[in-house]
C-alpha atoms as a PDB file:
ATOM      1  CA  MET A   1     118.241 109.610 148.067  1.00  0.00           C
ATOM      2  CA  SER A   2     115.761 111.566 145.968  1.00  0.00           C
ATOM      3  CA  LYS A   3     112.528 110.166 144.569  1.00  0.00           C
ATOM      4  CA  PHE A   4     113.584 111.685 141.246  1.00  0.00           C
ATOM      5  CA  TRP A   5     116.739 109.577 140.942  1.00  0.00           C
ATOM      6  CA  SER A   6     116.864 107.013 138.149  1.00  0.00           C
ATOM      7  CA  SER A   7     117.696 103.382 138.827  1.00  0.00           C
ATOM      8  CA  MET A   8     121.157 104.047 137.388  1.00  0.00           C
ATOM      9  CA  VAL A   9     121.831 106.776 139.949  1.00  0.00           C
ATOM     10  CA  LYS A  10     120.524 104.619 142.791  1.00  0.00           C
ATOM     11  CA  ARG A  11     122.799 101.669 142.049  1.00  0.00           C
ATOM     12  CA  THR A  12     125.899 103.816 141.551  1.00  0.00           C
ATOM     13  CA  GLU A  13     128.696 103.921 144.140  1.00  0.00           C
ATOM     14  CA  PRO A  14     130.954 106.750 142.952  1.00  0.00           C
ATOM     15  CA  TYR A  15     134.718 106.406 142.727  1.00  0.00           C
ATOM     16  CA  ILE A  16     136.619 108.202 145.505  1.00  0.00           C
ATOM     17  CA  PRO A  17     139.844 109.822 144.229  1.00  0.00           C
ATOM     18  CA  GLY A  18     142.894 110.563 146.337  1.00  0.00           C
ATOM     19  CA  GLU A  19     142.798 113.618 148.572  1.00  0.00           C
ATOM     20  CA  GLN A  20     143.304 116.948 146.833  1.00  0.00           C
ATOM     21  CA  VAL A  21     144.494 119.432 149.464  1.00  0.00           C
ATOM     22  CA  GLU A  22     144.788 123.110 148.544  1.00  0.00           C
ATOM     23  CA  GLN A  23     147.543 123.939 150.996  1.00  0.00           C
ATOM     24  CA  ALA A  24     151.058 125.286 150.660  1.00  0.00           C
ATOM     25  CA  ASN A  25     154.083 123.067 151.378  1.00  0.00           C
ATOM     26  CA  ILE A  26     152.180 119.791 151.005  1.00  0.00           C
ATOM     27  CA  VAL A  27     154.293 116.857 149.814  1.00  0.00           C
ATOM     28  CA  LYS A  28     151.690 115.202 147.616  1.00  0.00           C
ATOM     29  CA  LEU A  29     152.505 111.540 147.041  1.00  0.00           C
ATOM     30  CA  ASN A  30     148.983 110.107 146.904  1.00  0.00           C
ATOM     31  CA  THR A  31     147.647 110.416 143.356  1.00  0.00           C
ATOM     32  CA  ASN A  32     150.526 109.145 141.178  1.00  0.00           C
ATOM     33  CA  GLU A  33     151.087 112.461 139.456  1.00  0.00           C
ATOM     34  CA  ASN A  34     154.402 113.171 137.766  1.00  0.00           C
ATOM     35  CA  PRO A  35     156.655 115.371 139.947  1.00  0.00           C
ATOM     36  CA  TYR A  36     158.101 117.088 136.878  1.00  0.00           C
ATOM     37  CA  PRO A  37     156.344 119.678 134.685  1.00  0.00           C
ATOM     38  CA  PRO A  38     155.354 118.903 131.103  1.00  0.00           C
ATOM     39  CA  SER A  39     157.788 119.374 128.262  1.00  0.00           C
ATOM     40  CA  PRO A  40     158.413 123.061 127.441  1.00  0.00           C
ATOM     41  CA  LYS A  41     157.183 122.188 123.945  1.00  0.00           C
ATOM     42  CA  VAL A  42     153.784 121.358 125.450  1.00  0.00           C
ATOM     43  CA  THR A  43     153.365 124.769 127.057  1.00  0.00           C
ATOM     44  CA  ALA A  44     154.617 126.480 123.901  1.00  0.00           C
ATOM     45  CA  ALA A  45     152.063 124.619 121.765  1.00  0.00           C
ATOM     46  CA  ILE A  46     149.238 125.476 124.166  1.00  0.00           C
ATOM     47  CA  LYS A  47     150.194 129.169 124.269  1.00  0.00           C
ATOM     48  CA  GLU A  48     150.249 129.300 120.483  1.00  0.00           C
ATOM     49  CA  GLU A  49     146.835 127.651 120.275  1.00  0.00           C
ATOM     50  CA  ILE A  50     145.347 130.046 122.854  1.00  0.00           C
ATOM     51  CA  GLY A  51     146.149 132.976 120.610  1.00  0.00           C
ATOM     52  CA  ARG A  52     144.883 131.361 117.463  1.00  0.00           C
ATOM     53  CA  SER A  53     141.474 129.682 117.269  1.00  0.00           C
ATOM     54  CA  LEU A  54     139.646 129.040 120.539  1.00  0.00           C
ATOM     55  CA  GLN A  55     136.482 130.449 118.978  1.00  0.00           C
ATOM     56  CA  LEU A  56     136.326 127.364 116.762  1.00  0.00           C
ATOM     57  CA  TYR A  57     135.305 123.831 117.744  1.00  0.00           C
ATOM     58  CA  PRO A  58     138.167 121.339 118.023  1.00  0.00           C
ATOM     59  CA  SER A  59     138.527 118.484 115.569  1.00  0.00           C
ATOM     60  CA  PRO A  60     135.935 115.786 116.362  1.00  0.00           C
ATOM     61  CA  THR A  61     138.174 113.118 114.811  1.00  0.00           C
ATOM     62  CA  ALA A  62     141.423 114.263 116.495  1.00  0.00           C
ATOM     63  CA  ASN A  63     143.252 112.695 113.568  1.00  0.00           C
ATOM     64  CA  GLU A  64     146.525 114.608 114.040  1.00  0.00           C
ATOM     65  CA  LEU A  65     146.892 113.411 117.630  1.00  0.00           C
ATOM     66  CA  ARG A  66     145.792 109.882 116.729  1.00  0.00           C
ATOM     67  CA  GLU A  67     148.328 109.780 113.898  1.00  0.00           C
ATOM     68  CA  THR A  68     151.093 111.005 116.238  1.00  0.00           C
ATOM     69  CA  ILE A  69     150.284 108.375 118.863  1.00  0.00           C
ATOM     70  CA  GLY A  70     150.016 105.685 116.218  1.00  0.00           C
ATOM     71  CA  ARG A  71     153.422 106.593 114.804  1.00  0.00           C
ATOM     72  CA  HIS A  72     154.927 106.260 118.296  1.00  0.00           C
ATOM     73  CA  TYR A  73     153.636 102.671 118.568  1.00  0.00           C
ATOM     74  CA  GLY A  74     153.965 101.642 114.924  1.00  0.00           C
ATOM     75  CA  LEU A  75     150.198 101.742 114.391  1.00  0.00           C
ATOM     76  CA  SER A  76     147.860 103.495 111.988  1.00  0.00           C
ATOM     77  CA  THR A  77     145.429 106.297 112.814  1.00  0.00           C
ATOM     78  CA  ASP A  78     142.572 103.793 112.502  1.00  0.00           C
ATOM     79  CA  GLU A  79     144.078 101.775 115.363  1.00  0.00           C
ATOM     80  CA  VAL A  80     144.032 104.681 117.844  1.00  0.00           C
ATOM     81  CA  PHE A  81     141.204 106.341 119.797  1.00  0.00           C
ATOM     82  CA  VAL A  82     141.550 109.397 122.050  1.00  0.00           C
ATOM     83  CA  GLY A  83     139.334 110.639 124.859  1.00  0.00           C
ATOM     84  CA  ASN A  84     139.053 112.970 127.830  1.00  0.00           C
ATOM     85  CA  GLY A  85     141.370 111.071 130.152  1.00  0.00           C
ATOM     86  CA  SER A  86     141.733 107.309 130.301  1.00  0.00           C
ATOM     87  CA  ASP A  87     138.756 107.123 132.680  1.00  0.00           C
ATOM     88  CA  GLU A  88     136.474 108.333 129.908  1.00  0.00           C
ATOM     89  CA  VAL A  89     138.073 105.878 127.485  1.00  0.00           C
ATOM     90  CA  LEU A  90     137.446 103.111 130.032  1.00  0.00           C
ATOM     91  CA  ALA A  91     133.816 104.167 130.419  1.00  0.00           C
ATOM     92  CA  PHE A  92     133.308 104.118 126.635  1.00  0.00           C
ATOM     93  CA  SER A  93     134.959 100.688 126.532  1.00  0.00           C
ATOM     94  CA  PHE A  94     132.565  99.272 129.128  1.00  0.00           C
ATOM     95  CA  MET A  95     129.679 100.505 126.974  1.00  0.00           C
ATOM     96  CA  ALA A  96     131.211  99.330 123.700  1.00  0.00           C
ATOM     97  CA  PHE A  97     132.360  95.813 124.619  1.00  0.00           C
ATOM     98  CA  PHE A  98     130.630  94.563 127.791  1.00  0.00           C
ATOM     99  CA  GLU A  99     126.998  93.474 128.019  1.00  0.00           C
ATOM    100  CA  PRO A 100     124.471  93.396 130.889  1.00  0.00           C
ATOM    101  CA  GLY A 101     123.919  89.768 131.895  1.00  0.00           C
ATOM    102  CA  HIS A 102     127.399  88.654 130.855  1.00  0.00           C
ATOM    103  CA  PRO A 103     129.850  88.784 133.789  1.00  0.00           C
ATOM    104  CA  ILE A 104     133.242  90.311 133.160  1.00  0.00           C
ATOM    105  CA  ARG A 105     136.383  89.528 135.174  1.00  0.00           C
ATOM    106  CA  PHE A 106     138.958  91.719 136.853  1.00  0.00           C
ATOM    107  CA  PRO A 107     141.334  91.246 139.811  1.00  0.00           C
ATOM    108  CA  ASN A 108     139.959  91.564 143.331  1.00  0.00           C
ATOM    109  CA  VAL A 109     142.728  94.065 144.108  1.00  0.00           C
ATOM    110  CA  THR A 110     142.680  96.513 141.241  1.00  0.00           C
ATOM    111  CA  TYR A 111     141.699  99.985 140.035  1.00  0.00           C
ATOM    112  CA  SER A 112     138.567 100.779 142.011  1.00  0.00           C
ATOM    113  CA  PHE A 113     136.836 102.458 139.066  1.00  0.00           C
ATOM    114  CA  TYR A 114     136.117  99.048 137.483  1.00  0.00           C
ATOM    115  CA  PRO A 115     133.336  98.028 139.892  1.00  0.00           C
ATOM    116  CA  VAL A 116     131.992 101.591 139.720  1.00  0.00           C
ATOM    117  CA  TYR A 117     131.594 101.373 135.948  1.00  0.00           C
ATOM    118  CA  ALA A 118     130.231  97.835 136.141  1.00  0.00           C
ATOM    119  CA  LYS A 119     127.460  98.938 138.509  1.00  0.00           C
ATOM    120  CA  LEU A 120     126.796 102.113 136.534  1.00  0.00           C
ATOM    121  CA  PHE A 121     126.282 100.186 133.293  1.00  0.00           C
ATOM    122  CA  ASP A 122     124.566  97.221 135.004  1.00  0.00           C
ATOM    123  CA  ILE A 123     127.275  94.738 134.061  1.00  0.00           C
ATOM    124  CA  PRO A 124     127.824  91.784 136.426  1.00  0.00           C
ATOM    125  CA  TYR A 125     131.413  91.063 137.398  1.00  0.00           C
ATOM    126  CA  GLU A 126     133.617  88.414 138.957  1.00  0.00           C
ATOM    127  CA  GLU A 127     136.559  89.500 141.089  1.00  0.00           C
ATOM    128  CA  VAL A 128     139.467  87.131 140.541  1.00  0.00           C
ATOM    129  CA  PRO A 129     141.654  86.703 143.653  1.00  0.00           C
ATOM    130  CA  LEU A 130     145.314  87.526 143.243  1.00  0.00           C
ATOM    131  CA  ASN A 131     147.972  85.087 144.384  1.00  0.00           C
ATOM    132  CA  LYS A 132     149.349  85.530 147.910  1.00  0.00           C
ATOM    133  CA  ASP A 133     152.244  87.568 146.516  1.00  0.00           C
ATOM    134  CA  PHE A 134     149.755  89.842 144.676  1.00  0.00           C
ATOM    135  CA  THR A 135     150.648  88.463 141.239  1.00  0.00           C
ATOM    136  CA  LEU A 136     147.945  87.540 138.717  1.00  0.00           C
ATOM    137  CA  CYS A 137     146.444  84.075 138.754  1.00  0.00           C
ATOM    138  CA  VAL A 138     146.569  83.981 134.966  1.00  0.00           C
ATOM    139  CA  ASP A 139     144.495  80.827 134.359  1.00  0.00           C
ATOM    140  CA  SER A 140     141.583  82.283 136.329  1.00  0.00           C
ATOM    141  CA  PHE A 141     141.020  84.867 133.609  1.00  0.00           C
ATOM    142  CA  PHE A 142     140.551  82.256 130.861  1.00  0.00           C
ATOM    143  CA  GLN A 143     137.183  81.697 129.146  1.00  0.00           C
ATOM    144  CA  SER A 144     135.317  84.671 130.564  1.00  0.00           C
ATOM    145  CA  HIS A 145     131.677  84.892 129.470  1.00  0.00           C
ATOM    146  CA  GLY A 146     131.690  88.680 129.248  1.00  0.00           C
ATOM    147  CA  GLY A 147     135.244  89.929 128.855  1.00  0.00           C
ATOM    148  CA  VAL A 148     138.302  90.797 130.913  1.00  0.00           C
ATOM    149  CA  ILE A 149     139.801  94.055 132.138  1.00  0.00           C
ATOM    150  CA  LEU A 150     142.963  94.400 134.170  1.00  0.00           C
ATOM    151  CA  PRO A 151     145.639  97.019 134.809  1.00  0.00           C
ATOM    152  CA  ASN A 152     149.239  96.257 133.971  1.00  0.00           C
ATOM    153  CA  PRO A 153     151.186  97.233 136.018  1.00  0.00           C
ATOM    154  CA  ASN A 154     148.434  96.644 138.528  1.00  0.00           C
ATOM    155  CA  ALA A 155     147.123  99.424 140.708  1.00  0.00           C
ATOM    156  CA  PRO A 156     147.533  99.709 143.599  1.00  0.00           C
ATOM    157  CA  THR A 157     150.008  96.807 143.897  1.00  0.00           C
ATOM    158  CA  SER A 158     152.519  98.165 141.300  1.00  0.00           C
ATOM    159  CA  ILE A 159     153.243  94.640 140.001  1.00  0.00           C
ATOM    160  CA  TYR A 160     153.758  94.054 136.287  1.00  0.00           C
ATOM    161  CA  ALA A 161     152.636  90.869 134.536  1.00  0.00           C
ATOM    162  CA  GLY A 162     154.931  89.803 131.710  1.00  0.00           C
ATOM    163  CA  LEU A 163     153.655  90.053 128.152  1.00  0.00           C
ATOM    164  CA  GLU A 164     153.611  86.256 127.858  1.00  0.00           C
ATOM    165  CA  HIS A 165     150.984  86.132 130.645  1.00  0.00           C
ATOM    166  CA  ILE A 166     148.876  88.846 129.030  1.00  0.00           C
ATOM    167  CA  GLU A 167     149.030  87.032 125.707  1.00  0.00           C
ATOM    168  CA  LYS A 168     147.773  83.809 127.315  1.00  0.00           C
ATOM    169  CA  ILE A 169     144.751  85.662 128.678  1.00  0.00           C
ATOM    170  CA  VAL A 170     144.057  87.138 125.241  1.00  0.00           C
ATOM    171  CA  GLN A 171     144.455  83.751 123.550  1.00  0.00           C
ATOM    172  CA  ASN A 172     142.080  82.080 125.995  1.00  0.00           C
ATOM    173  CA  ASN A 173     139.286  84.621 125.466  1.00  0.00           C
ATOM    174  CA  PRO A 174     139.006  84.540 121.662  1.00  0.00           C
ATOM    175  CA  ASP A 175     135.348  85.596 121.617  1.00  0.00           C
ATOM    176  CA  GLN A 176     135.610  88.363 124.214  1.00  0.00           C
ATOM    177  CA  VAL A 177     137.457  91.656 124.412  1.00  0.00           C
ATOM    178  CA  VAL A 178     140.405  91.762 126.797  1.00  0.00           C
ATOM    179  CA  ILE A 179     141.195  95.296 127.967  1.00  0.00           C
ATOM    180  CA  ILE A 180     144.688  95.994 129.280  1.00  0.00           C
ATOM    181  CA  ASP A 181     144.762  99.234 131.247  1.00  0.00           C
ATOM    182  CA  GLU A 182     148.339 100.494 130.957  1.00  0.00           C
ATOM    183  CA  ALA A 183     148.288 103.779 132.881  1.00  0.00           C
ATOM    184  CA  TYR A 184     151.790 103.067 134.249  1.00  0.00           C
ATOM    185  CA  ILE A 185     153.316 101.079 131.404  1.00  0.00           C
ATOM    186  CA  ASP A 186     156.033 103.616 130.571  1.00  0.00           C
ATOM    187  CA  PHE A 187     157.680 102.808 133.904  1.00  0.00           C
ATOM    188  CA  ALA A 188     157.590  99.074 133.111  1.00  0.00           C
ATOM    189  CA  THR A 189     159.072  96.587 130.654  1.00  0.00           C
ATOM    190  CA  GLU A 190     156.911  96.520 127.527  1.00  0.00           C
ATOM    191  CA  SER A 191     153.399  97.351 126.347  1.00  0.00           C
ATOM    192  CA  ALA A 192     150.727  94.952 125.141  1.00  0.00           C
ATOM    193  CA  ALA A 193     150.451  97.251 122.116  1.00  0.00           C
ATOM    194  CA  LYS A 194     152.745  94.672 120.498  1.00  0.00           C
ATOM    195  CA  LEU A 195     149.803  92.245 120.482  1.00  0.00           C
ATOM    196  CA  ILE A 196     147.332  94.497 118.646  1.00  0.00           C
ATOM    197  CA  ARG A 197     148.077  93.317 115.120  1.00  0.00           C
ATOM    198  CA  LYS A 198     148.284  89.718 116.264  1.00  0.00           C
ATOM    199  CA  TYR A 199     144.876  89.579 117.997  1.00  0.00           C
ATOM    200  CA  ASP A 200     141.672  91.430 117.142  1.00  0.00           C
ATOM    201  CA  ASN A 201     140.260  91.119 120.683  1.00  0.00           C
ATOM    202  CA  VAL A 202     142.850  93.080 122.691  1.00  0.00           C
ATOM    203  CA  LEU A 203     142.347  96.739 123.561  1.00  0.00           C
ATOM    204  CA  VAL A 204     145.196  98.656 125.210  1.00  0.00           C
ATOM    205  CA  ILE A 205     144.317 101.828 127.124  1.00  0.00           C
ATOM    206  CA  GLN A 206     146.898 104.396 128.220  1.00  0.00           C
ATOM    207  CA  THR A 207     147.058 107.935 129.567  1.00  0.00           C
ATOM    208  CA  THR A 208     149.212 111.023 129.287  1.00  0.00           C
ATOM    209  CA  SER A 209     148.634 111.818 132.986  1.00  0.00           C
ATOM    210  CA  LYS A 210     151.553 109.872 134.429  1.00  0.00           C
ATOM    211  CA  SER A 211     154.631 109.559 132.250  1.00  0.00           C
ATOM    212  CA  ARG A 212     153.933 112.694 130.181  1.00  0.00           C
ATOM    213  CA  SER A 213     153.004 115.002 133.092  1.00  0.00           C
ATOM    214  CA  LEU A 214     149.590 115.941 131.691  1.00  0.00           C
ATOM    215  CA  ALA A 215     147.244 114.951 134.525  1.00  0.00           C
ATOM    216  CA  GLY A 216     145.695 118.431 134.361  1.00  0.00           C
ATOM    217  CA  LEU A 217     145.093 118.268 130.613  1.00  0.00           C
ATOM    218  CA  ARG A 218     143.019 115.039 130.590  1.00  0.00           C
ATOM    219  CA  VAL A 219     144.053 113.016 127.549  1.00  0.00           C
ATOM    220  CA  GLY A 220     143.703 109.245 127.399  1.00  0.00           C
ATOM    221  CA  PHE A 221     143.834 106.895 124.458  1.00  0.00           C
ATOM    222  CA  ALA A 222     143.093 103.350 123.343  1.00  0.00           C
ATOM    223  CA  MET A 223     144.837 101.176 120.775  1.00  0.00           C
ATOM    224  CA  GLY A 224     143.384  98.136 119.076  1.00  0.00           C
ATOM    225  CA  ASP A 225     141.985  96.567 115.934  1.00  0.00           C
ATOM    226  CA  PRO A 226     140.158  99.127 113.748  1.00  0.00           C
ATOM    227  CA  SER A 227     136.844  97.390 114.471  1.00  0.00           C
ATOM    228  CA  LEU A 228     137.314  98.037 118.204  1.00  0.00           C
ATOM    229  CA  ILE A 229     138.341 101.640 117.598  1.00  0.00           C
ATOM    230  CA  ASN A 230     135.275 102.168 115.401  1.00  0.00           C
ATOM    231  CA  ALA A 231     133.056 100.900 118.219  1.00  0.00           C
ATOM    232  CA  LEU A 232     134.573 103.451 120.591  1.00  0.00           C
ATOM    233  CA  ILE A 233     134.073 106.232 118.044  1.00  0.00           C
ATOM    234  CA  ARG A 234     130.401 105.245 117.671  1.00  0.00           C
ATOM    235  CA  ILE A 235     129.925 105.458 121.444  1.00  0.00           C
ATOM    236  CA  LYS A 236     131.756 108.802 121.652  1.00  0.00           C
ATOM    237  CA  ASP A 237     129.823 110.353 118.800  1.00  0.00           C
ATOM    238  CA  SER A 238     126.556 109.231 120.381  1.00  0.00           C
ATOM    239  CA  PHE A 239     127.596 111.017 123.574  1.00  0.00           C
ATOM    240  CA  ASN A 240     129.808 114.015 122.706  1.00  0.00           C
ATOM    241  CA  SER A 241     131.639 114.587 119.436  1.00  0.00           C
ATOM    242  CA  TYR A 242     134.100 117.036 121.016  1.00  0.00           C
ATOM    243  CA  THR A 243     135.551 115.270 124.031  1.00  0.00           C
ATOM    244  CA  LEU A 244     139.007 116.865 123.680  1.00  0.00           C
ATOM    245  CA  ASP A 245     139.449 120.632 123.450  1.00  0.00           C
ATOM    246  CA  ARG A 246     141.974 122.384 121.247  1.00  0.00           C
ATOM    247  CA  LEU A 247     144.513 122.894 124.036  1.00  0.00           C
ATOM    248  CA  ALA A 248     144.463 119.224 124.989  1.00  0.00           C
ATOM    249  CA  LEU A 249     144.896 118.139 121.370  1.00  0.00           C
ATOM    250  CA  VAL A 250     147.961 120.287 120.684  1.00  0.00           C
ATOM    251  CA  GLY A 251     149.469 119.755 124.135  1.00  0.00           C
ATOM    252  CA  ALA A 252     149.283 115.968 123.968  1.00  0.00           C
ATOM    253  CA  LYS A 253     150.653 115.967 120.413  1.00  0.00           C
ATOM    254  CA  ALA A 254     153.652 118.028 121.526  1.00  0.00           C
ATOM    255  CA  ALA A 255     154.236 115.705 124.496  1.00  0.00           C
ATOM    256  CA  PHE A 256     154.496 112.680 122.203  1.00  0.00           C
ATOM    257  CA  GLU A 257     156.790 114.519 119.824  1.00  0.00           C
ATOM    258  CA  ASP A 258     159.290 115.491 122.537  1.00  0.00           C
ATOM    259  CA  VAL A 259     160.779 112.027 122.968  1.00  0.00           C
ATOM    260  CA  ALA A 260     163.984 113.275 124.622  1.00  0.00           C
ATOM    261  CA  TYR A 261     162.133 115.037 127.449  1.00  0.00           C
ATOM    262  CA  PHE A 262     159.839 112.052 127.977  1.00  0.00           C
ATOM    263  CA  THR A 263     162.796 109.648 128.152  1.00  0.00           C
ATOM    264  CA  ASP A 264     164.653 111.877 130.599  1.00  0.00           C
ATOM    265  CA  THR A 265     161.804 112.358 133.084  1.00  0.00           C
ATOM    266  CA  VAL A 266     160.721 108.710 133.014  1.00  0.00           C
ATOM    267  CA  GLY A 267     164.335 107.690 133.628  1.00  0.00           C
ATOM    268  CA  LYS A 268     164.565 110.038 136.613  1.00  0.00           C
ATOM    269  CA  ILE A 269     161.408 108.604 138.172  1.00  0.00           C
ATOM    270  CA  ILE A 270     162.563 105.006 137.719  1.00  0.00           C
ATOM    271  CA  ALA A 271     165.946 105.818 139.267  1.00  0.00           C
ATOM    272  CA  THR A 272     164.280 107.544 142.226  1.00  0.00           C
ATOM    273  CA  ARG A 273     161.907 104.612 142.619  1.00  0.00           C
ATOM    274  CA  GLU A 274     164.775 102.161 142.961  1.00  0.00           C
ATOM    275  CA  LYS A 275     166.613 104.354 145.475  1.00  0.00           C
ATOM    276  CA  THR A 276     163.407 104.787 147.475  1.00  0.00           C
ATOM    277  CA  LYS A 277     162.803 101.054 147.459  1.00  0.00           C
ATOM    278  CA  ASP A 278     166.261 100.419 148.938  1.00  0.00           C
ATOM    279  CA  SER A 279     165.787 103.107 151.588  1.00  0.00           C
ATOM    280  CA  LEU A 280     162.402 101.749 152.665  1.00  0.00           C
ATOM    281  CA  GLN A 281     163.670  98.192 152.841  1.00  0.00           C
ATOM    282  CA  ASN A 282     166.437  99.417 155.142  1.00  0.00           C
ATOM    283  CA  LEU A 283     163.648 100.648 157.448  1.00  0.00           C
ATOM    284  CA  ASP A 284     162.075  97.156 157.538  1.00  0.00           C
ATOM    285  CA  PHE A 285     159.398  97.874 154.958  1.00  0.00           C
ATOM    286  CA  ASN A 286     158.156  95.161 152.623  1.00  0.00           C
ATOM    287  CA  VAL A 287     158.186  96.794 149.187  1.00  0.00           C
ATOM    288  CA  LEU A 288     156.430  94.983 146.363  1.00  0.00           C
ATOM    289  CA  PRO A 289     158.410  94.761 143.088  1.00  0.00           C
ATOM    290  CA  SER A 290     157.217  97.953 141.421  1.00  0.00           C
ATOM    291  CA  GLN A 291     157.228  98.725 137.714  1.00  0.00           C
ATOM    292  CA  ALA A 292     155.073 101.822 138.150  1.00  0.00           C
ATOM    293  CA  ASN A 293     155.651 105.384 139.341  1.00  0.00           C
ATOM    294  CA  PHE A 294     154.657 104.368 142.855  1.00  0.00           C
ATOM    295  CA  VAL A 295     155.502 101.721 145.426  1.00  0.00           C
ATOM    296  CA  PHE A 296     153.163  99.586 147.535  1.00  0.00           C
ATOM    297  CA  VAL A 297     154.589  98.996 150.983  1.00  0.00           C
ATOM    298  CA  SER A 298     153.881  97.627 154.459  1.00  0.00           C
ATOM    299  CA  HIS A 299     155.967  97.830 157.622  1.00  0.00           C
ATOM    300  CA  LYS A 300     156.868  94.843 159.771  1.00  0.00           C
ATOM    301  CA  THR A 301     155.651  96.419 163.028  1.00  0.00           C
ATOM    302  CA  VAL A 302     153.874  99.754 162.462  1.00  0.00           C
ATOM    303  CA  PRO A 303     150.353  99.575 160.948  1.00  0.00           C
ATOM    304  CA  ALA A 304     149.832 101.346 157.632  1.00  0.00           C
ATOM    305  CA  GLU A 305     146.942 103.412 158.973  1.00  0.00           C
ATOM    306  CA  VAL A 306     149.147 104.799 161.736  1.00  0.00           C
ATOM    307  CA  LEU A 307     151.860 105.700 159.244  1.00  0.00           C
ATOM    308  CA  TYR A 308     149.300 107.369 156.974  1.00  0.00           C
ATOM    309  CA  HIS A 309     147.909 109.612 159.728  1.00  0.00           C
ATOM    310  CA  GLU A 310     151.325 110.489 161.126  1.00  0.00           C
ATOM    311  CA  LEU A 311     152.592 111.478 157.693  1.00  0.00           C
ATOM    312  CA  LYS A 312     149.479 113.560 157.069  1.00  0.00           C
ATOM    313  CA  LYS A 313     150.119 115.514 160.291  1.00  0.00           C
ATOM    314  CA  GLU A 314     153.461 116.509 158.775  1.00  0.00           C
ATOM    315  CA  GLY A 315     151.944 117.596 155.465  1.00  0.00           C
ATOM    316  CA  MET A 316     152.833 114.417 153.566  1.00  0.00           C
ATOM    317  CA  LEU A 317     150.024 112.728 151.688  1.00  0.00           C
ATOM    318  CA  VAL A 318     150.189 109.052 150.696  1.00  0.00           C
ATOM    319  CA  ARG A 319     147.302 106.739 149.759  1.00  0.00           C
ATOM    320  CA  TYR A 320     145.783 104.372 152.319  1.00  0.00           C
ATOM    321  CA  PHE A 321     143.142 101.838 151.232  1.00  0.00           C
ATOM    322  CA  ASN A 322     141.007 100.587 154.099  1.00  0.00           C
ATOM    323  CA  LYS A 323     140.063  97.414 152.225  1.00  0.00           C
ATOM    324  CA  PRO A 324     140.442  93.728 153.093  1.00  0.00           C
ATOM    325  CA  GLY A 325     143.752  92.256 152.000  1.00  0.00           C
ATOM    326  CA  ILE A 326     145.513  95.592 151.508  1.00  0.00           C
ATOM    327  CA  ASP A 327     144.584  97.481 154.683  1.00  0.00           C
ATOM    328  CA  ASN A 328     148.141  97.258 155.988  1.00  0.00           C
ATOM    329  CA  TYR A 329     149.715  98.764 152.863  1.00  0.00           C
ATOM    330  CA  LEU A 330     150.445 102.280 151.699  1.00  0.00           C
ATOM    331  CA  ARG A 331     150.675 103.363 148.086  1.00  0.00           C
ATOM    332  CA  ILE A 332     153.379 105.986 147.756  1.00  0.00           C
ATOM    333  CA  THR A 333     153.852 108.012 144.575  1.00  0.00           C
ATOM    334  CA  ILE A 334     157.433 108.541 143.471  1.00  0.00           C
ATOM    335  CA  GLY A 335     158.241 112.245 143.658  1.00  0.00           C
ATOM    336  CA  THR A 336     161.536 114.052 143.233  1.00  0.00           C
ATOM    337  CA  ASP A 337     164.668 112.787 144.970  1.00  0.00           C
ATOM    338  CA  GLU A 338     164.278 115.537 147.571  1.00  0.00           C
ATOM    339  CA  GLN A 339     160.625 114.680 148.272  1.00  0.00           C
ATOM    340  CA  MET A 340     161.440 111.008 148.723  1.00  0.00           C
ATOM    341  CA  LYS A 341     164.331 111.815 151.067  1.00  0.00           C
ATOM    342  CA  GLN A 342     161.913 113.872 153.168  1.00  0.00           C
ATOM    343  CA  LEU A 343     159.451 110.984 153.208  1.00  0.00           C
ATOM    344  CA  VAL A 344     162.039 108.387 154.230  1.00  0.00           C
ATOM    345  CA  LYS A 345     163.383 110.683 156.957  1.00  0.00           C
ATOM    346  CA  ARG A 346     159.913 111.227 158.399  1.00  0.00           C
ATOM    347  CA  LEU A 347     159.053 107.528 158.241  1.00  0.00           C
ATOM    348  CA  SER A 348     162.237 106.651 160.093  1.00  0.00           C
ATOM    349  CA  GLU A 349     161.204 109.101 162.833  1.00  0.00           C
ATOM    350  CA  ILE A 350     157.659 107.725 163.068  1.00  0.00           C
ATOM    351  CA  ILE A 351     158.883 104.149 163.335  1.00  0.00           C
ATOM    352  CA  LYS A 352     161.097 105.079 166.312  1.00  0.00           C
ATOM    353  CA  LEU A 353     158.188 106.627 168.265  1.00  0.00           C
END
């Protein structure tokens, strides 16, 4: 710790992402990336943009991309905000809607960036325990003094809370913003975007990293009442007017426009997820009911940490969280059919050791 560090730096506990291993033949199932490449229309749009105008600043308003996203969800441009990955959008949201001294609420098993941002921005927080089956205790999120943020489907548990539960939380926090972090929603039932024109206090945040195969491009977005979107724009423009470069803008726009490719790849991942779930259950794994592009599993006899290390020896990366309550679970990204067959085969061998 340096004497030159500010109080903000000193209180920060940085987020630790999943392992990124630069090694050939790794089966990488630890960071919930899409196993399929982006739409060919994405790469074509990026190539065209490279040869056209990189010497010019990108659009600070990103109106074309915002309009395209809005059209996809039946919203206007004024109801959409875009940023450099959903993590940046989340950070702007903490600054725009949560106040120091007013505790916010989020689940005690959740995306581990939430407490990082809360400490960074000096916002107190209350961790709401999940039920024993890892579902949300909906009533416990009512009447928050500072606001609510939760992922749906939840990470790392993979469990989806029905829209009726989300709406109850929104209804019972009329004077606070409720943020629904929907990084994995395209693998689930339905988005809370349907609630945006019904309630002015709900903000829905999504990403192009998972279902649209653009983790390397870094494009996230938020949807909500125009007053909420304007607050995010004010924060962005006080920080960096050009958060998305030209390649990201045209690539993300093309990804949203290629609906057929999106539908096909999402369908493949869901089908593989269900087959993987059946295979793991046949090996005596408890598999939580996933509506994400990953599964959260524990074995009846072999500890999760042992499975994690044994898989890593064989060049297979999965995510292990050494945290109370989930330290006997593995989060496994859904890859291709072939990758998941390899995983199941190796797990069956480890279990027999």
